[in-house]
C-alpha atoms as a PDB file:
ATOM      1  CA  MET A   1      35.089 112.508 129.482  1.00  0.00           C
ATOM      2  CA  GLY A   2      36.213 108.901 129.538  1.00  0.00           C
ATOM      3  CA  SER A   3      33.909 105.910 129.396  1.00  0.00           C
ATOM      4  CA  THR A   4      32.681 104.339 132.644  1.00  0.00           C
ATOM      5  CA  TYR A   5      32.544 100.956 130.897  1.00  0.00           C
ATOM      6  CA  PRO A   6      35.533  98.604 130.565  1.00  0.00           C
ATOM      7  CA  VAL A   7      37.577  99.113 127.397  1.00  0.00           C
ATOM      8  CA  THR A   8      39.715  96.349 125.888  1.00  0.00           C
ATOM      9  CA  ARG A   9      42.611  97.242 123.613  1.00  0.00           C
ATOM     10  CA  VAL A  10      43.926  94.903 120.899  1.00  0.00           C
ATOM     11  CA  ALA A  11      47.148  95.657 119.020  1.00  0.00           C
ATOM     12  CA  LEU A  12      49.132  94.034 116.235  1.00  0.00           C
ATOM     13  CA  GLY A  13      52.195  95.680 114.796  1.00  0.00           C
ATOM     14  CA  GLN A  14      51.645  99.444 114.783  1.00  0.00           C
ATOM     15  CA  CYS A  15      47.829  99.374 114.708  1.00  0.00           C
ATOM     16  CA  ALA A  16      45.251  98.876 117.463  1.00  0.00           C
ATOM     17  CA  VAL A  17      41.488  98.597 118.031  1.00  0.00           C
ATOM     18  CA  GLU A  18      39.443  99.372 121.156  1.00  0.00           C
ATOM     19  CA  ILE A  19      36.284  97.588 122.335  1.00  0.00           C
ATOM     20  CA  GLU A  20      33.996  99.138 124.928  1.00  0.00           C
ATOM     21  CA  CYS A  21      31.768  96.529 126.570  1.00  0.00           C
ATOM     22  CA  ARG A  22      28.438  97.784 127.939  1.00  0.00           C
ATOM     23  CA  ALA A  23      26.870  94.308 128.191  1.00  0.00           C
ATOM     24  CA  THR A  24      27.908  92.359 131.269  1.00  0.00           C
ATOM     25  CA  GLU A  25      26.755  89.124 129.590  1.00  0.00           C
ATOM     26  CA  LEU A  26      29.565  89.558 127.027  1.00  0.00           C
ATOM     27  CA  ALA A  27      32.354  90.470 129.442  1.00  0.00           C
ATOM     28  CA  ASP A  28      33.691  86.970 130.196  1.00  0.00           C
ATOM     29  CA  ALA A  29      33.482  85.834 126.571  1.00  0.00           C
ATOM     30  CA  LEU A  30      35.301  88.971 125.407  1.00  0.00           C
ATOM     31  CA  ALA A  31      38.044  88.478 127.998  1.00  0.00           C
ATOM     32  CA  ASN A  32      38.590  84.861 126.898  1.00  0.00           C
ATOM     33  CA  LEU A  33      38.435  85.823 123.230  1.00  0.00           C
ATOM     34  CA  LEU A  34      41.217  88.392 123.485  1.00  0.00           C
ATOM     35  CA  LYS A  35      43.233  87.249 126.532  1.00  0.00           C
ATOM     36  CA  ASP A  36      46.324  86.302 124.507  1.00  0.00           C
ATOM     37  CA  THR A  37      46.358  89.309 122.181  1.00  0.00           C
ATOM     38  CA  ARG A  38      48.699  92.251 122.773  1.00  0.00           C
ATOM     39  CA  ALA A  39      47.139  95.274 124.486  1.00  0.00           C
ATOM     40  CA  ASP A  40      49.933  97.851 124.434  1.00  0.00           C
ATOM     41  CA  GLY A  41      51.298  99.955 121.585  1.00  0.00           C
ATOM     42  CA  GLY A  42      49.881 100.763 118.178  1.00  0.00           C
ATOM     43  CA  LYS A  43      47.752 103.629 116.921  1.00  0.00           C
ATOM     44  CA  VAL A  44      44.019 103.136 117.522  1.00  0.00           C
ATOM     45  CA  GLN A  45      42.180 102.705 114.210  1.00  0.00           C
ATOM     46  CA  THR A  46      38.610 102.470 115.500  1.00  0.00           C
ATOM     47  CA  ARG A  47      36.460 101.724 118.554  1.00  0.00           C
ATOM     48  CA  PHE A  48      33.626  99.216 118.838  1.00  0.00           C
ATOM     49  CA  ILE A  49      30.857  99.364 121.435  1.00  0.00           C
ATOM     50  CA  LEU A  50      29.020  96.245 122.583  1.00  0.00           C
ATOM     51  CA  GLU A  51      25.575  96.704 124.098  1.00  0.00           C
ATOM     52  CA  LYS A  52      22.482  94.721 125.028  1.00  0.00           C
ATOM     53  CA  THR A  53      19.091  95.754 123.645  1.00  0.00           C
ATOM     54  CA  PRO A  54      15.753  95.774 125.520  1.00  0.00           C
ATOM     55  CA  ASP A  55      14.661  92.685 123.536  1.00  0.00           C
ATOM     56  CA  ASP A  56      17.682  90.674 124.799  1.00  0.00           C
ATOM     57  CA  ARG A  57      19.758  90.918 121.650  1.00  0.00           C
ATOM     58  CA  PHE A  58      23.297  92.255 121.344  1.00  0.00           C
ATOM     59  CA  ASN A  59      24.505  95.110 119.144  1.00  0.00           C
ATOM     60  CA  VAL A  60      27.961  95.924 117.823  1.00  0.00           C
ATOM     61  CA  LEU A  61      28.332  99.660 117.161  1.00  0.00           C
ATOM     62  CA  ARG A  62      31.036 101.588 115.319  1.00  0.00           C
ATOM     63  CA  ASP A  63      30.991 105.351 114.772  1.00  0.00           C
ATOM     64  CA  ASP A  64      27.691 105.518 116.692  1.00  0.00           C
ATOM     65  CA  SER A  65      25.988 103.222 114.168  1.00  0.00           C
ATOM     66  CA  VAL A  66      24.853  99.635 114.639  1.00  0.00           C
ATOM     67  CA  CYS A  67      26.876  97.408 112.307  1.00  0.00           C
ATOM     68  CA  TYR A  68      25.744  93.993 113.582  1.00  0.00           C
ATOM     69  CA  THR A  69      22.979  92.498 115.747  1.00  0.00           C
ATOM     70  CA  ALA A  70      22.695  88.936 117.054  1.00  0.00           C
ATOM     71  CA  LYS A  71      20.973  86.890 119.736  1.00  0.00           C
ATOM     72  CA  THR A  72      23.924  84.796 120.886  1.00  0.00           C
ATOM     73  CA  VAL A  73      27.283  85.519 122.485  1.00  0.00           C
ATOM     74  CA  GLY A  74      28.985  83.202 119.980  1.00  0.00           C
ATOM     75  CA  SER A  75      27.632  85.095 116.976  1.00  0.00           C
ATOM     76  CA  ILE A  76      28.751  88.447 118.414  1.00  0.00           C
ATOM     77  CA  CYS A  77      32.243  87.132 119.186  1.00  0.00           C
ATOM     78  CA  THR A  78      32.821  85.532 115.780  1.00  0.00           C
ATOM     79  CA  TYR A  79      31.674  88.729 114.047  1.00  0.00           C
ATOM     80  CA  LEU A  80      33.732  90.973 116.309  1.00  0.00           C
ATOM     81  CA  VAL A  81      37.009  89.114 115.859  1.00  0.00           C
ATOM     82  CA  GLY A  82      36.631  89.383 112.081  1.00  0.00           C
ATOM     83  CA  GLU A  83      36.082  93.132 112.331  1.00  0.00           C
ATOM     84  CA  ILE A  84      39.055  93.558 114.651  1.00  0.00           C
ATOM     85  CA  ILE A  85      41.296  91.782 112.155  1.00  0.00           C
ATOM     86  CA  TYR A  86      39.959  93.897 109.269  1.00  0.00           C
ATOM     87  CA  HIS A  87      40.749  97.174 111.036  1.00  0.00           C
ATOM     88  CA  LEU A  88      44.201  95.998 112.123  1.00  0.00           C
ATOM     89  CA  ILE A  89      44.954  95.343 108.454  1.00  0.00           C
ATOM     90  CA  GLU A  90      43.185  98.135 106.551  1.00  0.00           C
ATOM     91  CA  ASN A  91      45.558 101.070 107.007  1.00  0.00           C
ATOM     92  CA  ASN A  92      48.779  99.292 107.975  1.00  0.00           C
ATOM     93  CA  SER A  93      51.493 100.352 105.544  1.00  0.00           C
ATOM     94  CA  ASN A  94      54.475  99.777 107.836  1.00  0.00           C
ATOM     95  CA  GLU A  95      54.430  96.005 108.235  1.00  0.00           C
ATOM     96  CA  VAL A  96      53.773  92.835 106.272  1.00  0.00           C
ATOM     97  CA  LEU A  97      50.547  91.112 107.340  1.00  0.00           C
ATOM     98  CA  LEU A  98      49.982  87.544 106.162  1.00  0.00           C
ATOM     99  CA  HIS A  99      46.748  85.524 106.171  1.00  0.00           C
ATOM    100  CA  THR A 100      48.159  82.393 107.758  1.00  0.00           C
ATOM    101  CA  ALA A 101      48.087  80.080 110.731  1.00  0.00           C
ATOM    102  CA  CYS A 102      51.267  79.880 112.794  1.00  0.00           C
ATOM    103  CA  VAL A 103      52.572  77.139 115.097  1.00  0.00           C
ATOM    104  CA  ARG A 104      55.920  76.315 116.695  1.00  0.00           C
ATOM    105  CA  ARG A 105      57.730  73.276 118.084  1.00  0.00           C
ATOM    106  CA  ASP A 106      61.197  73.001 119.601  1.00  0.00           C
ATOM    107  CA  GLY A 107      62.038  76.493 118.378  1.00  0.00           C
ATOM    108  CA  VAL A 108      60.935  75.731 114.815  1.00  0.00           C
ATOM    109  CA  GLY A 109      58.232  78.115 113.580  1.00  0.00           C
ATOM    110  CA  MET A 110      55.784  77.093 110.844  1.00  0.00           C
ATOM    111  CA  LEU A 111      53.341  79.138 108.767  1.00  0.00           C
ATOM    112  CA  LEU A 112      50.222  77.560 107.226  1.00  0.00           C
ATOM    113  CA  PRO A 113      49.004  80.198 104.743  1.00  0.00           C
ATOM    114  CA  GLY A 114      45.768  79.859 102.803  1.00  0.00           C
ATOM    115  CA  VAL A 115      42.336  81.181 101.997  1.00  0.00           C
ATOM    116  CA  SER A 116      39.376  80.551 104.292  1.00  0.00           C
ATOM    117  CA  GLY A 117      38.384  76.890 104.082  1.00  0.00           C
ATOM    118  CA  ALA A 118      41.883  75.655 103.250  1.00  0.00           C
ATOM    119  CA  GLY A 119      42.042  73.754 106.543  1.00  0.00           C
ATOM    120  CA  LYS A 120      44.425  76.039 108.474  1.00  0.00           C
ATOM    121  CA  SER A 121      42.491  75.910 111.744  1.00  0.00           C
ATOM    122  CA  THR A 122      41.742  72.170 111.799  1.00  0.00           C
ATOM    123  CA  MET A 123      45.354  71.421 110.850  1.00  0.00           C
ATOM    124  CA  SER A 124      46.555  73.726 113.647  1.00  0.00           C
ATOM    125  CA  ALA A 125      44.406  71.795 116.138  1.00  0.00           C
ATOM    126  CA  TRP A 126      45.960  68.490 115.031  1.00  0.00           C
ATOM    127  CA  LEU A 127      49.466  69.928 115.264  1.00  0.00           C
ATOM    128  CA  LEU A 128      48.730  71.030 118.831  1.00  0.00           C
ATOM    129  CA  SER A 129      48.039  67.385 119.665  1.00  0.00           C
ATOM    130  CA  ARG A 130      51.522  66.589 118.307  1.00  0.00           C
ATOM    131  CA  GLY A 131      53.323  68.927 120.677  1.00  0.00           C
ATOM    132  CA  PHE A 132      53.241  72.114 118.627  1.00  0.00           C
ATOM    133  CA  GLU A 133      52.518  75.466 120.267  1.00  0.00           C
ATOM    134  CA  TYR A 134      49.649  77.513 118.835  1.00  0.00           C
ATOM    135  CA  LEU A 135      50.222  81.144 117.885  1.00  0.00           C
ATOM    136  CA  SER A 136      47.437  81.945 115.396  1.00  0.00           C
ATOM    137  CA  ASP A 137      45.068  80.414 112.860  1.00  0.00           C
ATOM    138  CA  GLU A 138      44.502  83.655 110.932  1.00  0.00           C
ATOM    139  CA  LEU A 139      47.055  86.474 110.879  1.00  0.00           C
ATOM    140  CA  VAL A 140      50.715  87.266 111.542  1.00  0.00           C
ATOM    141  CA  CYS A 141      52.747  90.452 111.314  1.00  0.00           C
ATOM    142  CA  LEU A 142      56.220  90.038 109.768  1.00  0.00           C
ATOM    143  CA  ASP A 143      59.093  92.135 111.099  1.00  0.00           C
ATOM    144  CA  THR A 144      60.929  92.899 107.848  1.00  0.00           C
ATOM    145  CA  ASN A 145      64.217  93.539 109.664  1.00  0.00           C
ATOM    146  CA  THR A 146      64.447  90.351 111.741  1.00  0.00           C
ATOM    147  CA  LEU A 147      62.011  88.169 109.723  1.00  0.00           C
ATOM    148  CA  GLU A 148      60.335  87.245 113.007  1.00  0.00           C
ATOM    149  CA  VAL A 149      56.555  87.211 113.150  1.00  0.00           C
ATOM    150  CA  GLU A 150      54.119  88.465 115.757  1.00  0.00           C
ATOM    151  CA  ALA A 151      50.928  86.413 115.688  1.00  0.00           C
ATOM    152  CA  PHE A 152      47.352  87.532 116.311  1.00  0.00           C
ATOM    153  CA  THR A 153      46.371  84.889 118.862  1.00  0.00           C
ATOM    154  CA  ARG A 154      42.632  84.256 118.898  1.00  0.00           C
ATOM    155  CA  PRO A 155      40.704  81.032 119.601  1.00  0.00           C
ATOM    156  CA  LEU A 156      40.726  78.524 116.763  1.00  0.00           C
ATOM    157  CA  ASN A 157      37.990  79.454 114.296  1.00  0.00           C
ATOM    158  CA  ILE A 158      36.631  76.096 113.121  1.00  0.00           C
ATOM    159  CA  LYS A 159      33.984  76.062 110.407  1.00  0.00           C
ATOM    160  CA  HIS A 160      30.904  73.983 111.237  1.00  0.00           C
ATOM    161  CA  GLY A 161      32.025  71.238 108.844  1.00  0.00           C
ATOM    162  CA  GLY A 162      35.433  71.025 110.520  1.00  0.00           C
ATOM    163  CA  MET A 163      34.007  70.410 113.989  1.00  0.00           C
ATOM    164  CA  GLU A 164      33.231  66.808 113.074  1.00  0.00           C
ATOM    165  CA  ALA A 165      36.935  66.149 112.511  1.00  0.00           C
ATOM    166  CA  ILE A 166      37.828  67.949 115.757  1.00  0.00           C
ATOM    167  CA  ARG A 167      35.371  65.868 117.789  1.00  0.00           C
ATOM    168  CA  CYS A 168      36.533  62.656 116.141  1.00  0.00           C
ATOM    169  CA  GLU A 169      40.085  63.506 117.152  1.00  0.00           C
ATOM    170  CA  PHE A 170      39.464  64.860 120.665  1.00  0.00           C
ATOM    171  CA  GLY A 171      36.120  63.319 121.705  1.00  0.00           C
ATOM    172  CA  GLU A 172      32.442  64.264 121.466  1.00  0.00           C
ATOM    173  CA  ASP A 173      32.507  66.189 124.749  1.00  0.00           C
ATOM    174  CA  PHE A 174      35.635  68.182 123.894  1.00  0.00           C
ATOM    175  CA  GLY A 175      35.160  71.796 124.999  1.00  0.00           C
ATOM    176  CA  LYS A 176      31.467  71.257 125.571  1.00  0.00           C
ATOM    177  CA  ASN A 177      31.060  74.267 127.858  1.00  0.00           C
ATOM    178  CA  GLU A 178      33.837  76.489 126.494  1.00  0.00           C
ATOM    179  CA  ILE A 179      33.367  76.458 122.704  1.00  0.00           C
ATOM    180  CA  LEU A 180      31.300  79.340 121.293  1.00  0.00           C
ATOM    181  CA  GLU A 181      29.091  78.670 118.268  1.00  0.00           C
ATOM    182  CA  GLY A 182      28.626  81.458 115.735  1.00  0.00           C
ATOM    183  CA  ALA A 183      26.671  81.757 112.515  1.00  0.00           C
ATOM    184  CA  ILE A 184      29.222  79.941 110.330  1.00  0.00           C
ATOM    185  CA  SER A 185      31.919  78.711 112.707  1.00  0.00           C
ATOM    186  CA  HIS A 186      32.899  77.730 116.236  1.00  0.00           C
ATOM    187  CA  LEU A 187      35.461  79.522 118.385  1.00  0.00           C
ATOM    188  CA  VAL A 188      37.551  76.828 120.085  1.00  0.00           C
ATOM    189  CA  PRO A 189      39.760  78.185 122.896  1.00  0.00           C
ATOM    190  CA  HIS A 190      43.330  77.187 122.105  1.00  0.00           C
ATOM    191  CA  ARG A 191      44.044  76.857 125.827  1.00  0.00           C
ATOM    192  CA  LEU A 192      41.854  73.733 125.857  1.00  0.00           C
ATOM    193  CA  LEU A 193      44.682  72.116 123.906  1.00  0.00           C
ATOM    194  CA  GLN A 194      47.540  74.279 125.170  1.00  0.00           C
ATOM    195  CA  PRO A 195      46.966  75.498 128.740  1.00  0.00           C
ATOM    196  CA  ASN A 196      50.418  77.080 128.994  1.00  0.00           C
ATOM    197  CA  TYR A 197      50.451  79.687 126.250  1.00  0.00           C
ATOM    198  CA  ALA A 198      54.068  80.689 125.540  1.00  0.00           C
ATOM    199  CA  GLY A 199      53.827  83.962 123.591  1.00  0.00           C
ATOM    200  CA  SER A 200      53.140  85.210 120.093  1.00  0.00           C
ATOM    201  CA  ARG A 201      56.576  85.846 118.525  1.00  0.00           C
ATOM    202  CA  THR A 202      58.718  83.353 116.622  1.00  0.00           C
ATOM    203  CA  THR A 203      61.143  82.935 113.778  1.00  0.00           C
ATOM    204  CA  ILE A 204      59.838  81.009 110.756  1.00  0.00           C
ATOM    205  CA  ASN A 205      61.622  77.941 109.363  1.00  0.00           C
ATOM    206  CA  VAL A 206      58.875  76.169 107.395  1.00  0.00           C
ATOM    207  CA  ILE A 207      55.930  77.304 105.279  1.00  0.00           C
ATOM    208  CA  VAL A 208      53.279  74.734 104.346  1.00  0.00           C
ATOM    209  CA  PHE A 209      50.435  75.758 102.032  1.00  0.00           C
ATOM    210  CA  PRO A 210      47.635  73.343 103.022  1.00  0.00           C
ATOM    211  CA  LYS A 211      44.490  72.577 101.088  1.00  0.00           C
ATOM    212  CA  TYR A 212      41.768  70.390 102.561  1.00  0.00           C
ATOM    213  CA  VAL A 213      40.119  68.136  99.946  1.00  0.00           C
ATOM    214  CA  SER A 214      37.121  65.833 100.279  1.00  0.00           C
ATOM    215  CA  SER A 215      38.711  62.918  98.423  1.00  0.00           C
ATOM    216  CA  ASP A 216      41.311  60.578  99.920  1.00  0.00           C
ATOM    217  CA  ASP A 217      44.095  62.016  97.770  1.00  0.00           C
ATOM    218  CA  PHE A 218      47.237  63.190  99.564  1.00  0.00           C
ATOM    219  CA  SER A 219      50.231  65.035  98.191  1.00  0.00           C
ATOM    220  CA  LEU A 220      53.206  66.852  99.694  1.00  0.00           C
ATOM    221  CA  GLU A 221      55.351  68.837  97.271  1.00  0.00           C
ATOM    222  CA  ARG A 222      58.599  70.650  98.112  1.00  0.00           C
ATOM    223  CA  LEU A 223      58.518  74.139  96.591  1.00  0.00           C
ATOM    224  CA  SER A 224      61.228  76.310  95.102  1.00  0.00           C
ATOM    225  CA  THR A 225      61.991  79.688  96.672  1.00  0.00           C
ATOM    226  CA  ALA A 226      60.282  81.423  93.748  1.00  0.00           C
ATOM    227  CA  LYS A 227      57.086  79.349  94.043  1.00  0.00           C
ATOM    228  CA  THR A 228      57.037  79.837  97.805  1.00  0.00           C
ATOM    229  CA  ALA A 229      57.252  83.613  97.321  1.00  0.00           C
ATOM    230  CA  LEU A 230      54.518  83.662  94.672  1.00  0.00           C
ATOM    231  CA  LEU A 231      52.132  81.685  96.858  1.00  0.00           C
ATOM    232  CA  LEU A 232      52.945  83.873  99.864  1.00  0.00           C
ATOM    233  CA  MET A 233      52.037  86.972  97.853  1.00  0.00           C
ATOM    234  CA  GLN A 234      48.483  85.609  97.583  1.00  0.00           C
ATOM    235  CA  THR A 235      48.203  85.793 101.396  1.00  0.00           C
ATOM    236  CA  PHE A 236      49.850  89.242 101.782  1.00  0.00           C
ATOM    237  CA  VAL A 237      46.679  91.033 102.871  1.00  0.00           C
ATOM    238  CA  ASN A 238      48.012  94.599 103.001  1.00  0.00           C
ATOM    239  CA  ALA A 239      50.264  94.422  99.946  1.00  0.00           C
ATOM    240  CA  ARG A 240      48.388  97.320  98.317  1.00  0.00           C
ATOM    241  CA  ASN A 241      49.676  99.603 101.088  1.00  0.00           C
ATOM    242  CA  HIS A 242      53.350  98.918 100.210  1.00  0.00           C
ATOM    243  CA  VAL A 243      55.681 100.198  97.517  1.00  0.00           C
ATOM    244  CA  GLU A 244      55.731  97.654  94.659  1.00  0.00           C
ATOM    245  CA  HIS A 245      53.341  95.595  96.793  1.00  0.00           C
ATOM    246  CA  GLY A 246      56.205  94.709  99.164  1.00  0.00           C
ATOM    247  CA  PHE A 247      57.389  91.803  97.013  1.00  0.00           C
ATOM    248  CA  HIS A 248      60.995  92.229  98.183  1.00  0.00           C
ATOM    249  CA  HIS A 249      59.892  91.548 101.783  1.00  0.00           C
ATOM    250  CA  ILE A 250      58.200  88.315 100.739  1.00  0.00           C
ATOM    251  CA  THR A 251      61.180  87.067  98.731  1.00  0.00           C
ATOM    252  CA  ALA A 252      63.465  87.791 101.700  1.00  0.00           C
ATOM    253  CA  LEU A 253      61.338  85.496 103.881  1.00  0.00           C
ATOM    254  CA  ALA A 254      61.000  82.819 101.173  1.00  0.00           C
ATOM    255  CA  ARG A 255      64.793  82.541 100.888  1.00  0.00           C
ATOM    256  CA  THR A 256      65.120  81.543 104.540  1.00  0.00           C
ATOM    257  CA  VAL A 257      62.485  78.780 104.762  1.00  0.00           C
ATOM    258  CA  ARG A 258      61.527  75.367 103.418  1.00  0.00           C
ATOM    259  CA  GLY A 259      58.287  75.637 101.465  1.00  0.00           C
ATOM    260  CA  TYR A 260      55.706  72.880 100.782  1.00  0.00           C
ATOM    261  CA  HIS A 261      52.328  72.549  99.092  1.00  0.00           C
ATOM    262  CA  MET A 262      50.069  69.900 100.615  1.00  0.00           C
ATOM    263  CA  HIS A 263      46.658  68.395  99.821  1.00  0.00           C
ATOM    264  CA  TYR A 264      45.068  66.379 102.632  1.00  0.00           C
ATOM    265  CA  SER A 265      41.690  64.923 103.564  1.00  0.00           C
ATOM    266  CA  ASN A 266      42.182  63.564 107.097  1.00  0.00           C
ATOM    267  CA  PHE A 267      44.439  63.926 110.116  1.00  0.00           C
ATOM    268  CA  ALA A 268      46.129  60.561 109.622  1.00  0.00           C
ATOM    269  CA  GLN A 269      47.690  61.826 106.389  1.00  0.00           C
ATOM    270  CA  LEU A 270      49.370  64.685 108.242  1.00  0.00           C
ATOM    271  CA  GLU A 271      51.807  62.241 109.803  1.00  0.00           C
ATOM    272  CA  ALA A 272      53.586  62.253 106.438  1.00  0.00           C
ATOM    273  CA  LEU A 273      54.277  65.961 106.916  1.00  0.00           C
ATOM    274  CA  GLU A 274      55.689  65.347 110.371  1.00  0.00           C
ATOM    275  CA  ARG A 275      57.958  62.605 108.993  1.00  0.00           C
ATOM    276  CA  GLU A 276      59.192  64.983 106.296  1.00  0.00           C
ATOM    277  CA  LEU A 277      59.990  67.692 108.807  1.00  0.00           C
ATOM    278  CA  THR A 278      61.929  65.336 111.083  1.00  0.00           C
ATOM    279  CA  LYS A 279      64.241  64.215 108.257  1.00  0.00           C
ATOM    280  CA  PRO A 280      67.717  65.767 108.449  1.00  0.00           C
ATOM    281  CA  THR A 281      68.757  67.876 105.454  1.00  0.00           C
ATOM    282  CA  LEU A 282      72.054  69.411 104.431  1.00  0.00           C
ATOM    283  CA  GLU A 283      70.817  72.892 105.303  1.00  0.00           C
ATOM    284  CA  ASN A 284      68.960  71.770 108.435  1.00  0.00           C
ATOM    285  CA  PRO A 285      70.474  68.671 110.091  1.00  0.00           C
ATOM    286  CA  GLY A 286      67.990  67.286 112.573  1.00  0.00           C
ATOM    287  CA  PHE A 287      65.518  69.938 111.400  1.00  0.00           C
ATOM    288  CA  LEU A 288      62.623  69.128 113.721  1.00  0.00           C
ATOM    289  CA  PRO A 289      63.296  66.677 116.573  1.00  0.00           C
ATOM    290  CA  ASP A 290      61.118  63.581 116.428  1.00  0.00           C
ATOM    291  CA  ARG A 291      58.566  63.467 119.242  1.00  0.00           C
ATOM    292  CA  LYS A 292      55.705  61.213 120.213  1.00  0.00           C
ATOM    293  CA  THR A 293      52.091  62.320 120.230  1.00  0.00           C
ATOM    294  CA  VAL A 294      51.254  64.594 123.152  1.00  0.00           C
ATOM    295  CA  SER A 295      47.986  63.551 124.766  1.00  0.00           C
END
């Protein structure tokens, strides 16, 4: 017999996850959290159940067992999105999944791969203020035939330390009533910066490997195809599920893009990246059209 509670489906590539919400207090937050993810297609890997306890806490259940308990909506949402991503990745052996942010401007797609804390989410927020479209700050699925990516579009996941930079850039009251605070991060709805979401698929033309540093040092290094591929392999989160770790898929993508490694400590330094990407090259004349800041 089917559930009488609403069930949300989240898919990426050929895998999917279901969430059954039994707590009305979580319904709106869950809808906003997952509103720009894909719901159709994919084989269901697992189902989560969200419920409220008699002592006004919230539980996340999987396989009839409680796997997480918290008092706040923000904590439940930040935990849940991490678990969704894990189960979309775990058994996927058909597609290439990369731990990376993804943005787009004027038809030019850009990946920002890196480990947690590299500055992917805060850099994505700044790029949105420069007219880029947001697709993801965490995960993309590479179509190995077309080399297009499908992005997992969730709210920006900004670590507590990164919120200071966000508020300096966008104002102290930015998202005051919409941002959810979790145990270690904030979920910042991307539609606060980009009300007209334009979809999650794009071709990739540029890959920038960012690293946020506390000093004032800045560097932007153009990478060879080989170095781009090697760094991309470090973000290939389901490589173990592929023959020979899928290296041939990564090299195919690396051959078609411009790769960079960048250290930065503040948003002002990122203008150097924008200047680099607007310079014409032999292989890409007028690569990224120059545009003014979008307010």
